[in-house]
């Protein structure tokens, strides 16, 4: 048990060094609507563009 906790702490520190503390904090806090928009915002924007601007009138 203690070994897995130590490995998890080492992995967390490695992720902080690699990605930064804000990313790790966001990942640990879970996802809300804001992270949904961050993850899929570009895709939503592309779909809206295609629907409204490229559809024949």
Protein backbone atom coordinates (compact mmCIF):
# COMPACT_ATOMS: atom_id res chain seq x y z
CA UNK A 1 0.00 0.00 0.00
CA UNK A 2 2.73 2.42 0.96
CA UNK A 3 4.68 1.56 -2.18
CA UNK A 4 1.73 2.40 -4.44
CA UNK A 5 1.20 5.70 -2.60
CA UNK A 6 4.87 6.52 -3.10
CA UNK A 7 4.63 5.66 -6.80
CA UNK A 8 1.54 7.84 -7.14
CA UNK A 9 3.33 10.74 -5.44
CA UNK A 10 6.35 10.30 -7.71
CA UNK A 11 4.11 10.18 -10.80
CA UNK A 12 2.27 13.32 -9.63
CA UNK A 13 5.56 15.17 -9.14
CA UNK A 14 6.73 14.02 -12.57
CA UNK A 15 3.49 15.30 -14.13
CA UNK A 16 3.87 18.64 -12.34
CA UNK A 17 7.42 18.96 -13.66
CA UNK A 18 6.32 18.02 -17.17
CA UNK A 19 2.94 19.76 -17.52
CA UNK A 20 2.81 22.33 -14.72
CA UNK A 21 0.85 22.49 -11.51
CA UNK A 22 -2.25 24.11 -13.05
CA UNK A 23 -2.79 21.15 -15.40
CA UNK A 24 -2.35 18.61 -12.62
CA UNK A 25 -4.68 20.55 -10.30
CA UNK A 26 -7.32 20.74 -13.05
CA UNK A 27 -7.01 17.03 -13.75
CA UNK A 28 -7.32 16.12 -10.07
CA UNK A 29 -10.32 18.39 -9.46
CA UNK A 30 -12.31 16.68 -12.18
CA UNK A 31 -14.04 18.16 -15.14
CA UNK A 32 -16.88 20.60 -15.19
CA UNK A 33 -18.60 22.54 -17.91
CA UNK A 34 -15.57 24.83 -18.31
CA UNK A 35 -13.23 21.98 -19.07
CA UNK A 36 -15.82 20.57 -21.49
CA UNK A 37 -15.63 23.81 -23.46
CA UNK A 38 -11.83 23.76 -23.30
CA UNK A 39 -11.75 20.19 -24.60
CA UNK A 40 -14.40 20.50 -27.30
CA UNK A 41 -14.63 24.25 -27.95
CA UNK A 42 -12.79 24.16 -31.27
CA UNK A 43 -14.94 21.28 -32.52
CA UNK A 44 -18.11 23.09 -31.49
CA UNK A 45 -16.93 26.24 -33.26
CA UNK A 46 -16.21 24.30 -36.47
CA UNK A 47 -19.63 22.62 -36.42
CA UNK A 48 -21.38 25.96 -35.83
CA UNK A 49 -19.41 27.50 -38.70
CA UNK A 50 -20.32 24.66 -41.06
CA UNK A 51 -24.00 24.71 -40.11
CA UNK A 52 -24.56 28.46 -40.30
CA UNK A 53 -22.20 29.59 -43.04
CA UNK A 54 -21.95 26.70 -45.47
CA UNK A 55 -25.55 25.51 -45.53
CA UNK A 56 -27.45 26.61 -48.62
CA UNK A 57 -30.04 29.27 -47.95
